[in-house]
């Protein structure tokens, strides 16, 4: 999983799709505060917008990754899902602290 902090989520997403040679489909009228992109079933990107990053937005995007993992890996146990959520939050907060990202 890769975390990206940017001032423009849409441009960042378009650049990733271009790099993968995939057509970017415009889904949002305005630039979203965050976006989860699954390149494949094992590679996820969460793009967060500064300065609008909040703890709620963090949880929202992590949920999308967890939802994809549940579907792909047929996860059914609440403990394994909870451990995945914990892992993802831990990794994101390491990233946030290392990059000194402000969270509202």
PDB file of N, CA and C in Angstrom:
ATOM      1  N   UNK A   1       0.852  -1.172   0.000  1.00  0.00           N
ATOM      2  CA  UNK A   1       0.000   0.000   0.000  1.00  0.00           C
ATOM      3  C   UNK A   1       0.898   1.235   0.000  1.00  0.00           C
ATOM      4  N   UNK A   2       0.520   2.179  -0.825  1.00  0.00           N
ATOM      5  CA  UNK A   2       1.288   3.405  -0.943  1.00  0.00           C
ATOM      6  C   UNK A   2       0.397   4.585  -0.570  1.00  0.00           C
ATOM      7  N   UNK A   3       0.926   5.466   0.252  1.00  0.00           N
ATOM      8  CA  UNK A   3       0.224   6.686   0.639  1.00  0.00           C
ATOM      9  C   UNK A   3       0.838   7.855  -0.102  1.00  0.00           C
ATOM     10  N   UNK A   4      -0.018   8.734  -0.588  1.00  0.00           N
ATOM     11  CA  UNK A   4       0.445   9.916  -1.308  1.00  0.00           C
ATOM     12  C   UNK A   4      -0.266  11.132  -0.730  1.00  0.00           C
ATOM     13  N   UNK A   5       0.485  12.178  -0.437  1.00  0.00           N
ATOM     14  CA  UNK A   5      -0.072  13.452   0.013  1.00  0.00           C
ATOM     15  C   UNK A   5       0.145  14.449  -1.122  1.00  0.00           C
ATOM     16  N   UNK A   6      -0.918  15.135  -1.517  1.00  0.00           N
ATOM     17  CA  UNK A   6      -0.838  16.049  -2.648  1.00  0.00           C
ATOM     18  C   UNK A   6      -1.790  17.223  -2.446  1.00  0.00           C
ATOM     19  N   UNK A   7      -1.629  18.229  -3.248  1.00  0.00           N
ATOM     20  CA  UNK A   7      -2.566  19.353  -3.225  1.00  0.00           C
ATOM     21  C   UNK A   7      -3.694  19.158  -4.232  1.00  0.00           C
ATOM     22  N   UNK A   8      -3.525  18.202  -5.166  1.00  0.00           N
ATOM     23  CA  UNK A   8      -4.557  17.962  -6.173  1.00  0.00           C
ATOM     24  C   UNK A   8      -4.689  16.455  -6.405  1.00  0.00           C
ATOM     25  N   UNK A   9      -5.713  15.863  -5.811  1.00  0.00           N
ATOM     26  CA  UNK A   9      -5.937  14.421  -5.884  1.00  0.00           C
ATOM     27  C   UNK A   9      -6.209  13.982  -7.317  1.00  0.00           C
ATOM     28  N   UNK A  10      -7.029  14.736  -8.027  1.00  0.00           N
ATOM     29  CA  UNK A  10      -7.407  14.371  -9.400  1.00  0.00           C
ATOM     30  C   UNK A  10      -6.173  14.292 -10.305  1.00  0.00           C
ATOM     31  N   UNK A  11      -5.305  15.275 -10.265  1.00  0.00           N
ATOM     32  CA  UNK A  11      -4.104  15.284 -11.105  1.00  0.00           C
ATOM     33  C   UNK A  11      -3.203  14.107 -10.747  1.00  0.00           C
ATOM     34  N   UNK A  12      -3.052  13.847  -9.477  1.00  0.00           N
ATOM     35  CA  UNK A  12      -2.229  12.730  -9.030  1.00  0.00           C
ATOM     36  C   UNK A  12      -2.791  11.408  -9.545  1.00  0.00           C
ATOM     37  N   UNK A  13      -4.110  11.233  -9.432  1.00  0.00           N
ATOM     38  CA  UNK A  13      -4.761  10.011  -9.919  1.00  0.00           C
ATOM     39  C   UNK A  13      -4.573   9.865 -11.432  1.00  0.00           C
ATOM     40  N   UNK A  14      -4.763  10.948 -12.158  1.00  0.00           N
ATOM     41  CA  UNK A  14      -4.586  10.914 -13.615  1.00  0.00           C
ATOM     42  C   UNK A  14      -3.161  10.481 -13.973  1.00  0.00           C
ATOM     43  N   UNK A  15      -2.183  10.990 -13.234  1.00  0.00           N
ATOM     44  CA  UNK A  15      -0.783  10.630 -13.486  1.00  0.00           C
ATOM     45  C   UNK A  15      -0.519   9.147 -13.234  1.00  0.00           C
ATOM     46  N   UNK A  16      -1.126   8.606 -12.176  1.00  0.00           N
ATOM     47  CA  UNK A  16      -0.961   7.168 -11.904  1.00  0.00           C
ATOM     48  C   UNK A  16      -1.567   6.336 -13.027  1.00  0.00           C
ATOM     49  N   UNK A  17      -2.774   6.684 -13.439  1.00  0.00           N
ATOM     50  CA  UNK A  17      -3.423   5.942 -14.521  1.00  0.00           C
ATOM     51  C   UNK A  17      -2.619   6.039 -15.817  1.00  0.00           C
ATOM     52  N   UNK A  18      -2.068   7.208 -16.089  1.00  0.00           N
ATOM     53  CA  UNK A  18      -1.251   7.386 -17.288  1.00  0.00           C
ATOM     54  C   UNK A  18      -0.013   6.492 -17.230  1.00  0.00           C
ATOM     55  N   UNK A  19       0.605   6.434 -16.054  1.00  0.00           N
ATOM     56  CA  UNK A  19       1.782   5.589 -15.852  1.00  0.00           C
ATOM     57  C   UNK A  19       1.437   4.117 -16.103  1.00  0.00           C
ATOM     58  N   UNK A  20       0.229   3.708 -15.700  1.00  0.00           N
ATOM     59  CA  UNK A  20      -0.213   2.320 -15.889  1.00  0.00           C
ATOM     60  C   UNK A  20      -0.808   2.073 -17.267  1.00  0.00           C
ATOM     61  N   UNK A  21      -0.864   3.144 -18.084  1.00  0.00           N
ATOM     62  CA  UNK A  21      -1.464   3.070 -19.427  1.00  0.00           C
ATOM     63  C   UNK A  21      -2.932   2.632 -19.357  1.00  0.00           C
ATOM     64  N   UNK A  22      -3.644   3.228 -18.413  1.00  0.00           N
ATOM     65  CA  UNK A  22      -5.072   2.968 -18.218  1.00  0.00           C
ATOM     66  C   UNK A  22      -5.802   4.298 -18.367  1.00  0.00           C
ATOM     67  N   UNK A  23      -6.950   4.267 -19.000  1.00  0.00           N
ATOM     68  CA  UNK A  23      -7.740   5.484 -19.191  1.00  0.00           C
ATOM     69  C   UNK A  23      -8.345   5.898 -17.852  1.00  0.00           C
ATOM     70  N   UNK A  24      -8.149   7.153 -17.496  1.00  0.00           N
ATOM     71  CA  UNK A  24      -8.717   7.709 -16.259  1.00  0.00           C
ATOM     72  C   UNK A  24     -10.150   8.126 -16.522  1.00  0.00           C
ATOM     73  N   UNK A  25     -11.070   7.573 -15.759  1.00  0.00           N
ATOM     74  CA  UNK A  25     -12.480   7.939 -15.887  1.00  0.00           C
ATOM     75  C   UNK A  25     -12.820   8.973 -14.824  1.00  0.00           C
ATOM     76  N   UNK A  26     -13.248  10.131 -15.271  1.00  0.00           N
ATOM     77  CA  UNK A  26     -13.603  11.228 -14.362  1.00  0.00           C
ATOM     78  C   UNK A  26     -14.849  10.840 -13.569  1.00  0.00           C
ATOM     79  N   UNK A  27     -14.721  10.789 -12.241  1.00  0.00           N
ATOM     80  CA  UNK A  27     -15.837  10.382 -11.390  1.00  0.00           C
ATOM     81  C   UNK A  27     -16.354  11.510 -10.507  1.00  0.00           C
ATOM     82  N   UNK A  28     -15.577  12.559 -10.377  1.00  0.00           N
ATOM     83  CA  UNK A  28     -15.917  13.603  -9.422  1.00  0.00           C
ATOM     84  C   UNK A  28     -15.979  14.964 -10.109  1.00  0.00           C
ATOM     85  N   UNK A  29     -16.979  15.734  -9.733  1.00  0.00           N
ATOM     86  CA  UNK A  29     -17.117  17.083 -10.273  1.00  0.00           C
ATOM     87  C   UNK A  29     -16.002  17.985  -9.735  1.00  0.00           C
ATOM     88  N   UNK A  30     -15.770  17.889  -8.449  1.00  0.00           N
ATOM     89  CA  UNK A  30     -14.716  18.672  -7.794  1.00  0.00           C
ATOM     90  C   UNK A  30     -13.565  17.749  -7.413  1.00  0.00           C
ATOM     91  N   UNK A  31     -12.426  18.335  -7.084  1.00  0.00           N
ATOM     92  CA  UNK A  31     -11.284  17.554  -6.643  1.00  0.00           C
ATOM     93  C   UNK A  31     -11.623  16.906  -5.298  1.00  0.00           C
ATOM     94  N   UNK A  32     -11.589  15.567  -5.195  1.00  0.00           N
ATOM     95  CA  UNK A  32     -11.933  14.924  -3.926  1.00  0.00           C
ATOM     96  C   UNK A  32     -10.873  15.165  -2.856  1.00  0.00           C
ATOM     97  N   UNK A  33     -11.276  15.006  -1.593  1.00  0.00           N
ATOM     98  CA  UNK A  33     -10.327  15.173  -0.485  1.00  0.00           C
ATOM     99  C   UNK A  33      -9.373  14.000  -0.393  1.00  0.00           C
ATOM    100  N   UNK A  34      -9.789  12.854  -0.926  1.00  0.00           N
ATOM    101  CA  UNK A  34      -8.949  11.657  -0.912  1.00  0.00           C
ATOM    102  C   UNK A  34      -9.506  10.667  -1.919  1.00  0.00           C
ATOM    103  N   UNK A  35      -8.686   9.678  -2.246  1.00  0.00           N
ATOM    104  CA  UNK A  35      -9.110   8.682  -3.222  1.00  0.00           C
ATOM    105  C   UNK A  35      -8.290   7.419  -3.017  1.00  0.00           C
ATOM    106  N   UNK A  36      -8.957   6.272  -3.080  1.00  0.00           N
ATOM    107  CA  UNK A  36      -8.276   4.986  -3.039  1.00  0.00           C
ATOM    108  C   UNK A  36      -8.303   4.421  -4.443  1.00  0.00           C
ATOM    109  N   UNK A  37      -7.138   3.987  -4.927  1.00  0.00           N
ATOM    110  CA  UNK A  37      -7.048   3.375  -6.244  1.00  0.00           C
ATOM    111  C   UNK A  37      -6.417   1.996  -6.071  1.00  0.00           C
ATOM    112  N   UNK A  38      -7.065   0.986  -6.625  1.00  0.00           N
ATOM    113  CA  UNK A  38      -6.502  -0.362  -6.626  1.00  0.00           C
ATOM    114  C   UNK A  38      -5.920  -0.629  -8.002  1.00  0.00           C
ATOM    115  N   UNK A  39      -4.597  -0.737  -8.070  1.00  0.00           N
ATOM    116  CA  UNK A  39      -3.955  -1.042  -9.349  1.00  0.00           C
ATOM    117  C   UNK A  39      -4.263  -2.495  -9.714  1.00  0.00           C
ATOM    118  N   UNK A  40      -4.229  -3.353  -8.718  1.00  0.00           N
ATOM    119  CA  UNK A  40      -4.623  -4.747  -8.862  1.00  0.00           C
ATOM    120  C   UNK A  40      -5.026  -5.225  -7.469  1.00  0.00           C
ATOM    121  N   UNK A  41      -5.241  -6.518  -7.300  1.00  0.00           N
ATOM    122  CA  UNK A  41      -5.748  -7.008  -6.018  1.00  0.00           C
ATOM    123  C   UNK A  41      -4.732  -6.946  -4.883  1.00  0.00           C
ATOM    124  N   UNK A  42      -3.489  -6.611  -5.194  1.00  0.00           N
ATOM    125  CA  UNK A  42      -2.453  -6.531  -4.160  1.00  0.00           C
ATOM    126  C   UNK A  42      -1.811  -5.159  -4.031  1.00  0.00           C
ATOM    127  N   UNK A  43      -2.153  -4.236  -4.915  1.00  0.00           N
ATOM    128  CA  UNK A  43      -1.483  -2.940  -4.937  1.00  0.00           C
ATOM    129  C   UNK A  43      -2.499  -1.816  -4.812  1.00  0.00           C
ATOM    130  N   UNK A  44      -2.436  -1.131  -3.670  1.00  0.00           N
ATOM    131  CA  UNK A  44      -3.387  -0.062  -3.382  1.00  0.00           C
ATOM    132  C   UNK A  44      -2.651   1.249  -3.168  1.00  0.00           C
ATOM    133  N   UNK A  45      -3.271   2.305  -3.632  1.00  0.00           N
ATOM    134  CA  UNK A  45      -2.764   3.653  -3.420  1.00  0.00           C
ATOM    135  C   UNK A  45      -3.870   4.442  -2.732  1.00  0.00           C
ATOM    136  N   UNK A  46      -3.508   5.165  -1.685  1.00  0.00           N
ATOM    137  CA  UNK A  46      -4.443   6.100  -1.070  1.00  0.00           C
ATOM    138  C   UNK A  46      -3.838   7.488  -1.242  1.00  0.00           C
ATOM    139  N   UNK A  47      -4.578   8.340  -1.933  1.00  0.00           N
ATOM    140  CA  UNK A  47      -4.125   9.700  -2.203  1.00  0.00           C
ATOM    141  C   UNK A  47      -4.907  10.639  -1.292  1.00  0.00           C
ATOM    142  N   UNK A  48      -4.209  11.390  -0.464  1.00  0.00           N
ATOM    143  CA  UNK A  48      -4.836  12.340   0.450  1.00  0.00           C
ATOM    144  C   UNK A  48      -4.502  13.763   0.031  1.00  0.00           C
ATOM    145  N   UNK A  49      -5.465  14.638   0.200  1.00  0.00           N
ATOM    146  CA  UNK A  49      -5.290  16.047  -0.164  1.00  0.00           C
ATOM    147  C   UNK A  49      -4.904  16.873   1.069  1.00  0.00           C
ATOM    148  N   UNK A  50      -3.859  17.654   0.918  1.00  0.00           N
ATOM    149  CA  UNK A  50      -3.480  18.624   1.941  1.00  0.00           C
ATOM    150  C   UNK A  50      -4.062  19.953   1.519  1.00  0.00           C
ATOM    151  N   UNK A  51      -4.554  20.763   2.347  1.00  0.00           N
ATOM    152  CA  UNK A  51      -4.537  20.691   3.807  1.00  0.00           C
ATOM    153  C   UNK A  51      -5.851  20.186   4.408  1.00  0.00           C
ATOM    154  N   UNK A  52      -6.626  19.419   3.657  1.00  0.00           N
ATOM    155  CA  UNK A  52      -7.954  19.019   4.137  1.00  0.00           C
ATOM    156  C   UNK A  52      -7.982  17.623   4.762  1.00  0.00           C
ATOM    157  N   UNK A  53      -6.833  17.070   5.090  1.00  0.00           N
ATOM    158  CA  UNK A  53      -6.776  15.724   5.655  1.00  0.00           C
ATOM    159  C   UNK A  53      -7.308  15.711   7.084  1.00  0.00           C
ATOM    160  N   UNK A  54      -8.288  14.836   7.321  1.00  0.00           N
ATOM    161  CA  UNK A  54      -8.851  14.674   8.667  1.00  0.00           C
ATOM    162  C   UNK A  54      -8.785  13.198   9.052  1.00  0.00           C
ATOM    163  N   UNK A  55      -8.962  12.917  10.334  1.00  0.00           N
ATOM    164  CA  UNK A  55      -8.974  11.529  10.800  1.00  0.00           C
ATOM    165  C   UNK A  55     -10.146  10.767  10.183  1.00  0.00           C
ATOM    166  N   UNK A  56     -11.252  11.450   9.958  1.00  0.00           N
ATOM    167  CA  UNK A  56     -12.400  10.819   9.316  1.00  0.00           C
ATOM    168  C   UNK A  56     -12.109  10.418   7.884  1.00  0.00           C
ATOM    169  N   UNK A  57     -11.425  11.281   7.138  1.00  0.00           N
ATOM    170  CA  UNK A  57     -11.057  10.969   5.757  1.00  0.00           C
ATOM    171  C   UNK A  57     -10.080   9.787   5.729  1.00  0.00           C
ATOM    172  N   UNK A  58      -9.160   9.747   6.670  1.00  0.00           N
ATOM    173  CA  UNK A  58      -8.227   8.625   6.773  1.00  0.00           C
ATOM    174  C   UNK A  58      -9.000   7.321   6.944  1.00  0.00           C
ATOM    175  N   UNK A  59      -9.915   7.288   7.898  1.00  0.00           N
ATOM    176  CA  UNK A  59     -10.705   6.079   8.164  1.00  0.00           C
ATOM    177  C   UNK A  59     -11.540   5.693   6.947  1.00  0.00           C
ATOM    178  N   UNK A  60     -12.107   6.673   6.285  1.00  0.00           N
ATOM    179  CA  UNK A  60     -12.953   6.441   5.112  1.00  0.00           C
ATOM    180  C   UNK A  60     -12.177   5.710   4.012  1.00  0.00           C
ATOM    181  N   UNK A  61     -10.998   6.200   3.677  1.00  0.00           N
ATOM    182  CA  UNK A  61     -10.216   5.590   2.596  1.00  0.00           C
ATOM    183  C   UNK A  61      -9.644   4.237   2.998  1.00  0.00           C
ATOM    184  N   UNK A  62      -9.254   4.093   4.247  1.00  0.00           N
ATOM    185  CA  UNK A  62      -8.774   2.784   4.706  1.00  0.00           C
ATOM    186  C   UNK A  62      -9.897   1.756   4.616  1.00  0.00           C
ATOM    187  N   UNK A  63     -11.114   2.171   4.902  1.00  0.00           N
ATOM    188  CA  UNK A  63     -12.250   1.260   4.768  1.00  0.00           C
ATOM    189  C   UNK A  63     -12.350   0.719   3.337  1.00  0.00           C
ATOM    190  N   UNK A  64     -12.151   1.573   2.341  1.00  0.00           N
ATOM    191  CA  UNK A  64     -12.237   1.121   0.953  1.00  0.00           C
ATOM    192  C   UNK A  64     -11.194   0.038   0.641  1.00  0.00           C
ATOM    193  N   UNK A  65      -9.980   0.201   1.158  1.00  0.00           N
ATOM    194  CA  UNK A  65      -8.946  -0.821   0.941  1.00  0.00           C
ATOM    195  C   UNK A  65      -9.349  -2.113   1.633  1.00  0.00           C
ATOM    196  N   UNK A  66      -9.816  -2.003   2.869  1.00  0.00           N
ATOM    197  CA  UNK A  66     -10.236  -3.190   3.618  1.00  0.00           C
ATOM    198  C   UNK A  66     -11.371  -3.905   2.885  1.00  0.00           C
ATOM    199  N   UNK A  67     -12.316  -3.149   2.373  1.00  0.00           N
ATOM    200  CA  UNK A  67     -13.435  -3.725   1.633  1.00  0.00           C
ATOM    201  C   UNK A  67     -12.935  -4.528   0.422  1.00  0.00           C
ATOM    202  N   UNK A  68     -11.959  -3.983  -0.311  1.00  0.00           N
ATOM    203  CA  UNK A  68     -11.389  -4.692  -1.461  1.00  0.00           C
ATOM    204  C   UNK A  68     -10.681  -5.972  -1.023  1.00  0.00           C
ATOM    205  N   UNK A  69      -9.952  -5.901   0.092  1.00  0.00           N
ATOM    206  CA  UNK A  69      -9.246  -7.083   0.607  1.00  0.00           C
ATOM    207  C   UNK A  69     -10.235  -8.161   1.048  1.00  0.00           C
ATOM    208  N   UNK A  70     -11.314  -7.763   1.706  1.00  0.00           N
ATOM    209  CA  UNK A  70     -12.340  -8.721   2.141  1.00  0.00           C
ATOM    210  C   UNK A  70     -12.897  -9.460   0.931  1.00  0.00           C
ATOM    211  N   UNK A  71     -13.210  -8.717  -0.132  1.00  0.00           N
ATOM    212  CA  UNK A  71     -13.751  -9.338  -1.346  1.00  0.00           C
ATOM    213  C   UNK A  71     -12.732 -10.268  -2.001  1.00  0.00           C
ATOM    214  N   UNK A  72     -11.532  -9.762  -2.213  1.00  0.00           N
ATOM    215  CA  UNK A  72     -10.527 -10.516  -2.963  1.00  0.00           C
ATOM    216  C   UNK A  72     -10.043 -11.755  -2.204  1.00  0.00           C
ATOM    217  N   UNK A  73      -9.822 -11.614  -0.924  1.00  0.00           N
ATOM    218  CA  UNK A  73      -9.258 -12.713  -0.140  1.00  0.00           C
ATOM    219  C   UNK A  73     -10.318 -13.493   0.637  1.00  0.00           C
ATOM    220  N   UNK A  74     -11.581 -13.198   0.399  1.00  0.00           N
ATOM    221  CA  UNK A  74     -12.702 -13.883   1.075  1.00  0.00           C
ATOM    222  C   UNK A  74     -12.529 -13.880   2.594  1.00  0.00           C
ATOM    223  N   UNK A  75     -12.154 -12.742   3.122  1.00  0.00           N
ATOM    224  CA  UNK A  75     -11.968 -12.615   4.572  1.00  0.00           C
ATOM    225  C   UNK A  75     -13.334 -12.600   5.246  1.00  0.00           C
ATOM    226  N   UNK A  76     -13.480 -13.424   6.264  1.00  0.00           N
ATOM    227  CA  UNK A  76     -14.763 -13.498   6.967  1.00  0.00           C
ATOM    228  C   UNK A  76     -14.631 -13.280   8.470  1.00  0.00           C
ATOM    229  N   UNK A  77     -13.465 -13.538   9.020  1.00  0.00           N
ATOM    230  CA  UNK A  77     -13.281 -13.416  10.461  1.00  0.00           C
ATOM    231  C   UNK A  77     -13.101 -11.970  10.895  1.00  0.00           C
ATOM    232  N   UNK A  78     -13.820 -11.588  11.925  1.00  0.00           N
ATOM    233  CA  UNK A  78     -13.721 -10.203  12.390  1.00  0.00           C
ATOM    234  C   UNK A  78     -12.323  -9.884  12.917  1.00  0.00           C
ATOM    235  N   UNK A  79     -11.630 -10.866  13.480  1.00  0.00           N
ATOM    236  CA  UNK A  79     -10.294 -10.604  14.019  1.00  0.00           C
ATOM    237  C   UNK A  79      -9.294 -10.320  12.900  1.00  0.00           C
ATOM    238  N   UNK A  80      -9.352 -11.071  11.812  1.00  0.00           N
ATOM    239  CA  UNK A  80      -8.412 -10.822  10.714  1.00  0.00           C
ATOM    240  C   UNK A  80      -8.698  -9.473  10.044  1.00  0.00           C
ATOM    241  N   UNK A  81      -9.959  -9.098   9.961  1.00  0.00           N
ATOM    242  CA  UNK A  81     -10.317  -7.792   9.403  1.00  0.00           C
ATOM    243  C   UNK A  81      -9.844  -6.680  10.332  1.00  0.00           C
ATOM    244  N   UNK A  82     -10.059  -6.858  11.634  1.00  0.00           N
ATOM    245  CA  UNK A  82      -9.606  -5.863  12.612  1.00  0.00           C
ATOM    246  C   UNK A  82      -8.081  -5.719  12.584  1.00  0.00           C
ATOM    247  N   UNK A  83      -7.370  -6.828  12.427  1.00  0.00           N
ATOM    248  CA  UNK A  83      -5.908  -6.770  12.365  1.00  0.00           C
ATOM    249  C   UNK A  83      -5.445  -6.036  11.108  1.00  0.00           C
ATOM    250  N   UNK A  84      -6.143  -6.215   9.996  1.00  0.00           N
ATOM    251  CA  UNK A  84      -5.811  -5.502   8.773  1.00  0.00           C
ATOM    252  C   UNK A  84      -6.019  -3.997   8.949  1.00  0.00           C
ATOM    253  N   UNK A  85      -7.135  -3.621   9.567  1.00  0.00           N
ATOM    254  CA  UNK A  85      -7.408  -2.199   9.836  1.00  0.00           C
ATOM    255  C   UNK A  85      -6.320  -1.618  10.737  1.00  0.00           C
ATOM    256  N   UNK A  86      -5.961  -2.341  11.779  1.00  0.00           N
ATOM    257  CA  UNK A  86      -4.908  -1.883  12.692  1.00  0.00           C
ATOM    258  C   UNK A  86      -3.586  -1.696  11.948  1.00  0.00           C
ATOM    259  N   UNK A  87      -3.218  -2.680  11.125  1.00  0.00           N
ATOM    260  CA  UNK A  87      -1.979  -2.608  10.364  1.00  0.00           C
ATOM    261  C   UNK A  87      -1.966  -1.382   9.451  1.00  0.00           C
ATOM    262  N   UNK A  88      -3.065  -1.176   8.740  1.00  0.00           N
ATOM    263  CA  UNK A  88      -3.129  -0.064   7.805  1.00  0.00           C
ATOM    264  C   UNK A  88      -3.033   1.285   8.511  1.00  0.00           C
ATOM    265  N   UNK A  89      -3.725   1.417   9.637  1.00  0.00           N
ATOM    266  CA  UNK A  89      -3.636   2.662  10.403  1.00  0.00           C
ATOM    267  C   UNK A  89      -2.209   2.874  10.903  1.00  0.00           C
ATOM    268  N   UNK A  90      -1.588   1.816  11.428  1.00  0.00           N
ATOM    269  CA  UNK A  90      -0.215   1.936  11.921  1.00  0.00           C
ATOM    270  C   UNK A  90       0.729   2.400  10.816  1.00  0.00           C
ATOM    271  N   UNK A  91       0.614   1.794   9.640  1.00  0.00           N
ATOM    272  CA  UNK A  91       1.486   2.163   8.530  1.00  0.00           C
ATOM    273  C   UNK A  91       1.241   3.605   8.082  1.00  0.00           C
ATOM    274  N   UNK A  92      -0.018   3.992   8.023  1.00  0.00           N
ATOM    275  CA  UNK A  92      -0.327   5.363   7.614  1.00  0.00           C
ATOM    276  C   UNK A  92       0.204   6.373   8.623  1.00  0.00           C
ATOM    277  N   UNK A  93       0.035   6.095   9.917  1.00  0.00           N
ATOM    278  CA  UNK A  93       0.515   7.054  10.914  1.00  0.00           C
ATOM    279  C   UNK A  93       2.033   7.125  10.955  1.00  0.00           C
ATOM    280  N   UNK A  94       2.721   6.033  10.635  1.00  0.00           N
ATOM    281  CA  UNK A  94       4.188   6.094  10.494  1.00  0.00           C
ATOM    282  C   UNK A  94       4.542   7.055   9.352  1.00  0.00           C
ATOM    283  N   UNK A  95       3.827   6.916   8.237  1.00  0.00           N
ATOM    284  CA  UNK A  95       4.046   7.778   7.075  1.00  0.00           C
ATOM    285  C   UNK A  95       3.770   9.235   7.426  1.00  0.00           C
ATOM    286  N   UNK A  96       2.647   9.484   8.077  1.00  0.00           N
ATOM    287  CA  UNK A  96       2.253  10.847   8.458  1.00  0.00           C
ATOM    288  C   UNK A  96       3.292  11.467   9.382  1.00  0.00           C
ATOM    289  N   UNK A  97       3.761  10.708  10.351  1.00  0.00           N
ATOM    290  CA  UNK A  97       4.761  11.236  11.290  1.00  0.00           C
ATOM    291  C   UNK A  97       6.091  11.478  10.599  1.00  0.00           C
ATOM    292  N   UNK A  98       6.482  10.572   9.722  1.00  0.00           N
ATOM    293  CA  UNK A  98       7.761  10.733   9.009  1.00  0.00           C
ATOM    294  C   UNK A  98       7.725  11.964   8.110  1.00  0.00           C
ATOM    295  N   UNK A  99       6.609  12.168   7.414  1.00  0.00           N
ATOM    296  CA  UNK A  99       6.486  13.291   6.488  1.00  0.00           C
ATOM    297  C   UNK A  99       6.019  14.572   7.169  1.00  0.00           C
ATOM    298  N   UNK A 100       5.701  14.478   8.462  1.00  0.00           N
ATOM    299  CA  UNK A 100       5.226  15.626   9.242  1.00  0.00           C
ATOM    300  C   UNK A 100       3.974  16.259   8.606  1.00  0.00           C
ATOM    301  N   UNK A 101       3.033  15.390   8.260  1.00  0.00           N
ATOM    302  CA  UNK A 101       1.784  15.820   7.632  1.00  0.00           C
ATOM    303  C   UNK A 101       0.820  16.288   8.715  1.00  0.00           C
ATOM    304  N   UNK A 102       0.170  17.407   8.480  1.00  0.00           N
ATOM    305  CA  UNK A 102      -0.813  17.947   9.425  1.00  0.00           C
ATOM    306  C   UNK A 102      -2.160  17.274   9.201  1.00  0.00           C
ATOM    307  N   UNK A 103      -2.765  16.762  10.269  1.00  0.00           N
ATOM    308  CA  UNK A 103      -4.093  16.166  10.228  1.00  0.00           C
ATOM    309  C   UNK A 103      -4.986  17.004  11.125  1.00  0.00           C
ATOM    310  N   UNK A 104      -6.143  17.422  10.565  1.00  0.00           N
ATOM    311  CA  UNK A 104      -7.069  18.253  11.348  1.00  0.00           C
ATOM    312  C   UNK A 104      -7.810  17.426  12.369  1.00  0.00           C
TER     313      UNK A 104
END
